[in-house]
Amino acid sequence: MWYRHSISLNNTMMRNIFLGFIRIHILHHANEGEIFGVAIMDELRRHGYSISAGTLYPILHSLEAEGYLTRRNNVVNGKVRKYYRITEKGVNALEEAKPKIKELVDEVI
């Protein structure tokens, strides 16, 4: 069962599962439209998950470096905000992951 607070850093298995689902969740929302870090943190909080900026931003950067997201910078209230969009590679990965996740969840739950 997922906890309605931060995932313990000491529980490596839960952390790895959680971070994998976070990557898929990011791709899902980027597939719906442009995203940015604070909005993703708010979205996860809405589901009861707490993720720090120090965890989220490296995930966004790695998804970009791996070619799943592209980024553009925009100045908002004097600060640079990084907006992310899904790439074709990201769409393909998301579409490939969905049935695999569903199959595993259906079997386990």
N, C-alpha and C. Protein backbone atom coordinates (compact mmCIF):
# COMPACT_ATOMS: atom_id res chain seq x y z
N MET A 1 0.84 -1.18 0.00
CA MET A 1 0.00 0.00 0.00
C MET A 1 0.88 1.24 0.00
N TRP A 2 0.52 2.22 -0.81
CA TRP A 2 1.26 3.48 -0.84
C TRP A 2 0.92 4.30 0.40
N TYR A 3 1.90 4.93 0.94
CA TYR A 3 1.71 5.76 2.12
C TYR A 3 1.36 7.17 1.70
N ARG A 4 0.52 7.82 2.47
CA ARG A 4 0.10 9.19 2.16
C ARG A 4 1.09 10.20 2.75
N HIS A 5 2.35 9.97 2.56
CA HIS A 5 3.41 10.88 2.96
C HIS A 5 4.69 10.47 2.25
N SER A 6 5.79 11.02 2.63
CA SER A 6 7.05 10.73 1.95
C SER A 6 7.41 9.26 2.02
N ILE A 7 7.98 8.75 0.94
CA ILE A 7 8.50 7.39 0.93
C ILE A 7 9.84 7.41 1.66
N SER A 8 10.03 6.48 2.55
CA SER A 8 11.26 6.41 3.33
C SER A 8 12.45 6.14 2.43
N LEU A 9 13.50 6.91 2.61
CA LEU A 9 14.72 6.69 1.84
C LEU A 9 15.37 5.37 2.21
N ASN A 10 15.05 4.84 3.39
CA ASN A 10 15.63 3.58 3.84
C ASN A 10 14.99 2.38 3.17
N ASN A 11 13.81 2.52 2.62
CA ASN A 11 13.12 1.41 1.98
C ASN A 11 13.43 1.48 0.48
N THR A 12 14.55 0.89 0.09
CA THR A 12 15.04 0.98 -1.28
C THR A 12 14.05 0.44 -2.30
N MET A 13 13.43 -0.69 -2.01
CA MET A 13 12.50 -1.27 -2.96
C MET A 13 11.31 -0.34 -3.21
N MET A 14 10.70 0.16 -2.15
CA MET A 14 9.56 1.07 -2.30
C MET A 14 9.98 2.35 -3.03
N ARG A 15 11.14 2.85 -2.70
CA ARG A 15 11.63 4.08 -3.34
C ARG A 15 11.80 3.85 -4.84
N ASN A 16 12.40 2.74 -5.23
CA ASN A 16 12.62 2.45 -6.65
C ASN A 16 11.29 2.28 -7.39
N ILE A 17 10.34 1.59 -6.78
CA ILE A 17 9.01 1.43 -7.39
C ILE A 17 8.36 2.80 -7.55
N PHE A 18 8.38 3.58 -6.48
CA PHE A 18 7.78 4.91 -6.48
C PHE A 18 8.39 5.78 -7.57
N LEU A 19 9.71 5.80 -7.67
CA LEU A 19 10.38 6.65 -8.65
C LEU A 19 10.08 6.20 -10.08
N GLY A 20 9.94 4.90 -10.30
CA GLY A 20 9.54 4.42 -11.62
C GLY A 20 8.16 4.90 -12.00
N PHE A 21 7.23 4.83 -11.04
CA PHE A 21 5.88 5.32 -11.31
C PHE A 21 5.86 6.83 -11.50
N ILE A 22 6.72 7.55 -10.79
CA ILE A 22 6.80 9.00 -10.96
C ILE A 22 7.23 9.32 -12.39
N ARG A 23 8.20 8.60 -12.92
CA ARG A 23 8.65 8.83 -14.30
C ARG A 23 7.50 8.63 -15.28
N ILE A 24 6.73 7.56 -15.10
CA ILE A 24 5.58 7.30 -15.97
C ILE A 24 4.53 8.39 -15.80
N HIS A 25 4.29 8.80 -14.55
CA HIS A 25 3.30 9.84 -14.26
C HIS A 25 3.70 11.16 -14.96
N ILE A 26 4.98 11.48 -14.93
CA ILE A 26 5.47 12.68 -15.60
C ILE A 26 5.22 12.58 -17.10
N LEU A 27 5.56 11.45 -17.70
CA LEU A 27 5.31 11.27 -19.14
C LEU A 27 3.83 11.37 -19.45
N HIS A 28 3.00 10.80 -18.60
CA HIS A 28 1.55 10.86 -18.79
C HIS A 28 1.07 12.31 -18.87
N HIS A 29 1.49 13.12 -17.91
CA HIS A 29 1.04 14.52 -17.90
C HIS A 29 1.68 15.34 -19.01
N ALA A 30 2.93 15.04 -19.35
CA ALA A 30 3.57 15.74 -20.47
C ALA A 30 2.90 15.38 -21.79
N ASN A 31 2.31 14.21 -21.85
CA ASN A 31 1.57 13.79 -23.04
C ASN A 31 0.26 14.58 -23.18
N GLU A 32 -0.26 15.06 -22.06
CA GLU A 32 -1.50 15.85 -22.07
C GLU A 32 -1.24 17.32 -22.38
N GLY A 33 -0.01 17.77 -22.15
CA GLY A 33 0.33 19.17 -22.39
C GLY A 33 1.63 19.53 -21.69
N GLU A 34 2.05 20.75 -21.87
CA GLU A 34 3.29 21.22 -21.28
C GLU A 34 3.22 21.18 -19.76
N ILE A 35 4.32 20.78 -19.13
CA ILE A 35 4.37 20.67 -17.66
C ILE A 35 5.57 21.44 -17.13
N PHE A 36 5.55 21.71 -15.82
CA PHE A 36 6.72 22.27 -15.14
C PHE A 36 6.78 21.68 -13.73
N GLY A 37 7.94 21.77 -13.11
CA GLY A 37 8.21 21.07 -11.87
C GLY A 37 7.22 21.28 -10.75
N VAL A 38 6.92 22.52 -10.42
CA VAL A 38 6.02 22.81 -9.30
C VAL A 38 4.64 22.22 -9.56
N ALA A 39 4.18 22.28 -10.80
CA ALA A 39 2.86 21.71 -11.13
C ALA A 39 2.86 20.19 -10.92
N ILE A 40 3.95 19.53 -11.27
CA ILE A 40 4.04 18.08 -11.06
C ILE A 40 4.07 17.78 -9.57
N MET A 41 4.80 18.57 -8.80
CA MET A 41 4.83 18.37 -7.34
C MET A 41 3.43 18.53 -6.76
N ASP A 42 2.69 19.54 -7.22
CA ASP A 42 1.32 19.76 -6.75
C ASP A 42 0.41 18.59 -7.15
N GLU A 43 0.58 18.11 -8.37
CA GLU A 43 -0.22 16.97 -8.85
C GLU A 43 0.03 15.73 -7.99
N LEU A 44 1.28 15.47 -7.68
CA LEU A 44 1.61 14.32 -6.85
C LEU A 44 1.06 14.49 -5.43
N ARG A 45 1.15 15.71 -4.92
CA ARG A 45 0.59 16.00 -3.59
C ARG A 45 -0.91 15.75 -3.57
N ARG A 46 -1.57 16.08 -4.67
CA ARG A 46 -3.01 15.84 -4.79
C ARG A 46 -3.34 14.36 -4.63
N HIS A 47 -2.42 13.51 -5.04
CA HIS A 47 -2.59 12.06 -4.90
C HIS A 47 -2.06 11.54 -3.57
N GLY A 48 -1.55 12.44 -2.74
CA GLY A 48 -1.07 12.05 -1.42
C GLY A 48 0.40 11.72 -1.34
N TYR A 49 1.16 12.01 -2.39
CA TYR A 49 2.59 11.72 -2.40
C TYR A 49 3.39 12.99 -2.20
N SER A 50 4.43 12.90 -1.41
CA SER A 50 5.31 14.04 -1.19
C SER A 50 6.65 13.75 -1.85
N ILE A 51 7.06 14.63 -2.73
CA ILE A 51 8.35 14.47 -3.40
C ILE A 51 9.06 15.81 -3.33
N SER A 52 10.32 15.79 -2.99
CA SER A 52 11.08 17.03 -2.86
C SER A 52 11.57 17.49 -4.23
N ALA A 53 11.87 18.77 -4.31
CA ALA A 53 12.45 19.32 -5.54
C ALA A 53 13.77 18.62 -5.85
N GLY A 54 14.51 18.26 -4.81
CA GLY A 54 15.79 17.58 -4.97
C GLY A 54 15.66 16.18 -5.55
N THR A 55 14.46 15.61 -5.49
CA THR A 55 14.19 14.32 -6.12
C THR A 55 13.57 14.52 -7.49
N LEU A 56 12.62 15.45 -7.61
CA LEU A 56 11.89 15.64 -8.86
C LEU A 56 12.76 16.18 -9.99
N TYR A 57 13.51 17.25 -9.72
CA TYR A 57 14.23 17.89 -10.81
C TYR A 57 15.29 17.00 -11.46
N PRO A 58 16.01 16.18 -10.71
CA PRO A 58 16.91 15.22 -11.38
C PRO A 58 16.15 14.22 -12.27
N ILE A 59 14.93 13.85 -11.88
CA ILE A 59 14.13 12.97 -12.73
C ILE A 59 13.77 13.68 -14.03
N LEU A 60 13.31 14.93 -13.93
CA LEU A 60 12.99 15.70 -15.14
C LEU A 60 14.23 15.85 -16.03
N HIS A 61 15.37 16.16 -15.42
CA HIS A 61 16.60 16.34 -16.20
C HIS A 61 17.01 15.04 -16.88
N SER A 62 16.86 13.91 -16.18
CA SER A 62 17.24 12.63 -16.79
C SER A 62 16.28 12.26 -17.92
N LEU A 63 14.98 12.52 -17.75
CA LEU A 63 14.03 12.25 -18.83
C LEU A 63 14.35 13.10 -20.06
N GLU A 64 14.80 14.32 -19.81
CA GLU A 64 15.21 15.18 -20.93
C GLU A 64 16.49 14.64 -21.57
N ALA A 65 17.48 14.31 -20.76
CA ALA A 65 18.76 13.81 -21.27
C ALA A 65 18.58 12.50 -22.04
N GLU A 66 17.62 11.69 -21.63
CA GLU A 66 17.36 10.41 -22.28
C GLU A 66 16.48 10.56 -23.53
N GLY A 67 16.01 11.78 -23.79
CA GLY A 67 15.25 12.04 -25.00
C GLY A 67 13.75 11.83 -24.89
N TYR A 68 13.23 11.66 -23.66
CA TYR A 68 11.79 11.47 -23.47
C TYR A 68 11.03 12.78 -23.35
N LEU A 69 11.74 13.84 -22.96
CA LEU A 69 11.16 15.18 -22.82
C LEU A 69 12.05 16.19 -23.52
N THR A 70 11.45 17.29 -23.96
CA THR A 70 12.21 18.46 -24.40
C THR A 70 11.86 19.59 -23.45
N ARG A 71 12.74 20.58 -23.38
CA ARG A 71 12.54 21.68 -22.43
C ARG A 71 12.65 23.02 -23.14
N ARG A 72 11.84 23.97 -22.65
CA ARG A 72 12.01 25.37 -23.05
C ARG A 72 11.97 26.19 -21.77
N ASN A 73 12.71 27.28 -21.76
CA ASN A 73 12.73 28.17 -20.61
C ASN A 73 11.85 29.38 -20.88
N ASN A 74 11.17 29.85 -19.83
CA ASN A 74 10.33 31.04 -19.92
C ASN A 74 10.46 31.80 -18.60
N VAL A 75 10.56 33.11 -18.68
CA VAL A 75 10.66 33.92 -17.46
C VAL A 75 9.26 34.21 -16.95
N VAL A 76 9.00 33.83 -15.69
CA VAL A 76 7.71 34.05 -15.04
C VAL A 76 7.99 34.75 -13.72
N ASN A 77 7.44 35.95 -13.55
CA ASN A 77 7.66 36.74 -12.33
C ASN A 77 9.15 36.89 -12.01
N GLY A 78 9.95 37.12 -13.04
CA GLY A 78 11.38 37.35 -12.85
C GLY A 78 12.20 36.09 -12.65
N LYS A 79 11.57 34.93 -12.68
CA LYS A 79 12.30 33.67 -12.49
C LYS A 79 12.17 32.83 -13.75
N VAL A 80 13.22 32.07 -14.04
CA VAL A 80 13.18 31.17 -15.19
C VAL A 80 12.42 29.91 -14.80
N ARG A 81 11.38 29.62 -15.55
CA ARG A 81 10.60 28.39 -15.35
C ARG A 81 10.88 27.48 -16.54
N LYS A 82 11.18 26.22 -16.24
CA LYS A 82 11.46 25.24 -17.28
C LYS A 82 10.19 24.47 -17.59
N TYR A 83 9.76 24.56 -18.83
CA TYR A 83 8.57 23.84 -19.29
C TYR A 83 9.01 22.63 -20.10
N TYR A 84 8.34 21.52 -19.87
CA TYR A 84 8.70 20.27 -20.55
C TYR A 84 7.55 19.78 -21.41
N ARG A 85 7.92 19.20 -22.55
CA ARG A 85 6.96 18.55 -23.46
C ARG A 85 7.47 17.14 -23.74
N ILE A 86 6.55 16.25 -24.00
CA ILE A 86 6.93 14.87 -24.33
C ILE A 86 7.43 14.83 -25.77
N THR A 87 8.38 13.95 -26.02
CA THR A 87 8.89 13.73 -27.37
C THR A 87 8.22 12.48 -27.95
N GLU A 88 8.49 12.22 -29.21
CA GLU A 88 7.96 11.00 -29.83
C GLU A 88 8.49 9.77 -29.09
N LYS A 89 9.75 9.81 -28.70
CA LYS A 89 10.33 8.71 -27.93
C LYS A 89 9.59 8.54 -26.60
N GLY A 90 9.24 9.65 -25.97
CA GLY A 90 8.49 9.60 -24.71
C GLY A 90 7.10 9.02 -24.90
N VAL A 91 6.43 9.42 -25.98
CA VAL A 91 5.10 8.89 -26.29
C VAL A 91 5.19 7.38 -26.50
N ASN A 92 6.18 6.94 -27.26
CA ASN A 92 6.35 5.51 -27.51
C ASN A 92 6.61 4.74 -26.22
N ALA A 93 7.46 5.29 -25.36
CA ALA A 93 7.75 4.64 -24.08
C ALA A 93 6.50 4.55 -23.21
N LEU A 94 5.74 5.63 -23.17
CA LEU A 94 4.51 5.66 -22.37
C LEU A 94 3.51 4.63 -22.88
N GLU A 95 3.32 4.60 -24.19
CA GLU A 95 2.36 3.65 -24.77
C GLU A 95 2.81 2.21 -24.56
N GLU A 96 4.10 1.97 -24.58
CA GLU A 96 4.62 0.62 -24.33
C GLU A 96 4.46 0.24 -22.85
N ALA A 97 4.62 1.21 -21.97
CA ALA A 97 4.56 0.93 -20.53
C ALA A 97 3.14 0.68 -20.03
N LYS A 98 2.16 1.38 -20.59
CA LYS A 98 0.78 1.29 -20.08
C LYS A 98 0.25 -0.14 -20.00
N PRO A 99 0.27 -0.93 -21.06
CA PRO A 99 -0.27 -2.28 -20.94
C PRO A 99 0.54 -3.17 -20.00
N LYS A 100 1.85 -2.93 -19.94
CA LYS A 100 2.69 -3.72 -19.04
C LYS A 100 2.36 -3.41 -17.58
N ILE A 101 2.17 -2.13 -17.28
CA ILE A 101 1.79 -1.74 -15.92
C ILE A 101 0.43 -2.31 -15.57
N LYS A 102 -0.52 -2.19 -16.49
CA LYS A 102 -1.87 -2.71 -16.24
C LYS A 102 -1.84 -4.21 -15.97
N GLU A 103 -1.09 -4.95 -16.77
CA GLU A 103 -1.00 -6.40 -16.59
C GLU A 103 -0.43 -6.74 -15.21
N LEU A 104 0.64 -6.06 -14.82
CA LEU A 104 1.26 -6.32 -13.52
C LEU A 104 0.33 -5.96 -12.37
N VAL A 105 -0.31 -4.80 -12.47
CA VAL A 105 -1.22 -4.36 -11.41
C VAL A 105 -2.40 -5.31 -11.31
N ASP A 106 -2.97 -5.70 -12.44
CA ASP A 106 -4.10 -6.63 -12.43
C ASP A 106 -3.72 -7.95 -11.76
N GLU A 107 -2.50 -8.40 -11.98
CA GLU A 107 -2.07 -9.66 -11.38
C GLU A 107 -1.81 -9.52 -9.89
N VAL A 108 -1.20 -8.43 -9.49
CA VAL A 108 -0.79 -8.25 -8.09
C VAL A 108 -1.95 -7.82 -7.20
N ILE A 109 -2.82 -6.98 -7.71
CA ILE A 109 -3.90 -6.42 -6.88
C ILE A 109 -5.13 -7.29 -6.90
